[in-house]
Amino acid sequence: MVLDPQRWLELRRFRALVESGAVSLTEVAKETGLDRKTVRKYLSSTAASVPPRRTSNGRPRKKAVDEVAPLIDAMLRAEILIKGAVVHERLVKEYGSTINYQRVSAT
């Protein structure tokens, strides 16, 4: 689990208490609503002193709609007032796409 910066800061304020032995990891987990293993991970002595970031392999994340985006754009250019449901139906029937309606309507 990668914590967002706000939750990370909330958790880090317990670090001194855990290191001094005033509170246990289990108590911190109950207080923050996080799993005990997550608390241990982020409060360990080897934990980074900056908020965690999701790792990236340097490439942009591929989205499910990327492969059909040019088709959707072409349909929208041809018929400006076309509905998302119609676009989805055409993608499924004419192009055999397996993308779900929510992905099409969000585009």
Protein backbone atom coordinates (compact mmCIF):
# COMPACT_ATOMS: atom_id res chain seq x y z
CA MET A 1 0.00 0.00 0.00
CA VAL A 2 1.30 3.44 -0.92
CA LEU A 3 0.03 6.13 1.41
CA ASP A 4 -1.00 9.54 0.18
CA PRO A 5 1.14 12.38 1.64
CA GLN A 6 -1.53 13.49 4.12
CA ARG A 7 -1.92 10.02 5.67
CA TRP A 8 1.86 9.59 5.65
CA LEU A 9 2.30 12.79 7.67
CA GLU A 10 -0.40 11.66 10.08
CA LEU A 11 1.40 8.36 10.58
CA ARG A 12 4.88 9.91 10.90
CA ARG A 13 3.87 11.93 13.93
CA PHE A 14 3.71 8.63 15.87
CA ARG A 15 7.31 7.64 15.01
CA ALA A 16 8.95 9.12 18.11
CA LEU A 17 6.32 7.55 20.35
CA VAL A 18 6.89 4.11 18.83
CA GLU A 19 10.69 4.44 19.01
CA SER A 20 10.52 5.46 22.68
CA GLY A 21 8.22 2.54 23.48
CA ALA A 22 5.39 4.77 24.68
CA VAL A 23 2.95 3.19 22.21
CA SER A 24 2.95 -0.02 20.22
CA LEU A 25 2.52 -0.49 16.49
CA THR A 26 -0.84 -2.09 17.17
CA GLU A 27 -2.03 0.98 19.07
CA VAL A 28 -0.89 3.26 16.23
CA ALA A 29 -2.65 1.01 13.72
CA LYS A 30 -5.91 1.27 15.68
CA GLU A 31 -5.56 5.03 16.01
CA THR A 32 -4.84 5.64 12.32
CA GLY A 33 -7.08 2.92 10.87
CA LEU A 34 -4.16 1.38 8.97
CA ASP A 35 -2.98 -2.19 8.97
CA ARG A 36 -0.29 -3.02 11.53
CA LYS A 37 2.08 -4.14 8.76
CA THR A 38 1.65 -0.83 6.95
CA VAL A 39 2.42 1.04 10.17
CA ARG A 40 5.52 -1.08 10.72
CA LYS A 41 6.68 -0.45 7.15
CA TYR A 42 6.41 3.33 7.34
CA LEU A 43 7.68 3.72 10.89
CA SER A 44 10.71 1.45 10.60
CA SER A 45 14.14 2.99 11.07
CA THR A 46 14.95 2.32 7.40
CA ALA A 47 11.82 4.10 6.12
CA ALA A 48 12.34 7.15 3.91
CA SER A 49 11.97 10.60 5.40
CA VAL A 50 9.91 11.85 2.46
CA PRO A 51 6.35 10.89 1.49
CA PRO A 52 6.19 7.79 -0.72
CA ARG A 53 5.42 7.99 -4.42
CA ARG A 54 4.07 5.34 -6.68
CA THR A 55 6.90 3.93 -8.70
CA SER A 56 6.87 4.50 -12.40
CA ASN A 57 8.79 2.68 -15.05
CA GLY A 58 9.13 5.91 -17.03
CA ARG A 59 6.42 5.08 -19.53
CA PRO A 60 2.97 6.67 -19.51
CA ARG A 61 0.28 4.40 -18.15
CA LYS A 62 -1.73 2.73 -20.89
CA LYS A 63 -5.48 3.22 -20.62
CA ALA A 64 -8.12 0.81 -21.87
CA VAL A 65 -9.66 3.48 -24.07
CA ASP A 66 -6.37 4.36 -25.83
CA GLU A 67 -6.79 1.67 -28.47
CA VAL A 68 -10.25 2.88 -29.52
CA ALA A 69 -9.76 6.62 -28.98
CA PRO A 70 -9.16 7.35 -32.69
CA LEU A 71 -12.40 5.54 -33.57
CA ILE A 72 -14.32 7.50 -30.94
CA ASP A 73 -12.86 10.78 -32.21
CA ALA A 74 -13.85 9.92 -35.78
CA MET A 75 -17.41 9.09 -34.70
CA LEU A 76 -17.68 12.36 -32.78
CA ARG A 77 -16.38 14.37 -35.74
CA ALA A 78 -18.88 12.71 -38.06
CA GLU A 79 -21.85 13.17 -35.71
CA ILE A 80 -21.41 15.91 -33.14
CA LEU A 81 -24.53 15.06 -31.11
CA ILE A 82 -23.96 11.28 -30.98
CA LYS A 83 -24.63 9.70 -27.59
CA GLY A 84 -22.11 7.67 -25.64
CA ALA A 85 -24.36 4.61 -25.69
CA VAL A 86 -24.46 4.69 -29.49
CA VAL A 87 -20.68 5.04 -29.69
CA HIS A 88 -20.28 2.07 -27.36
CA GLU A 89 -22.75 -0.04 -29.37
CA ARG A 90 -20.90 0.69 -32.60
CA LEU A 91 -17.52 -0.13 -31.05
CA VAL A 92 -18.83 -3.49 -29.87
CA LYS A 93 -20.78 -4.43 -33.01
CA GLU A 94 -18.58 -3.05 -35.77
CA TYR A 95 -15.11 -3.31 -34.26
CA GLY A 96 -15.49 -6.15 -31.76
CA SER A 97 -14.23 -4.00 -28.90
CA THR A 98 -14.54 -5.36 -25.37
CA ILE A 99 -14.28 -1.96 -23.68
CA ASN A 100 -17.08 -1.22 -21.24
CA TYR A 101 -19.53 1.67 -21.53
CA GLN A 102 -18.12 3.61 -18.56
CA ARG A 103 -14.73 3.94 -20.26
CA VAL A 104 -16.33 5.19 -23.47
CA SER A 105 -18.57 7.72 -21.71
CA ALA A 106 -15.65 9.07 -19.65
CA THR A 107 -13.75 9.90 -22.84
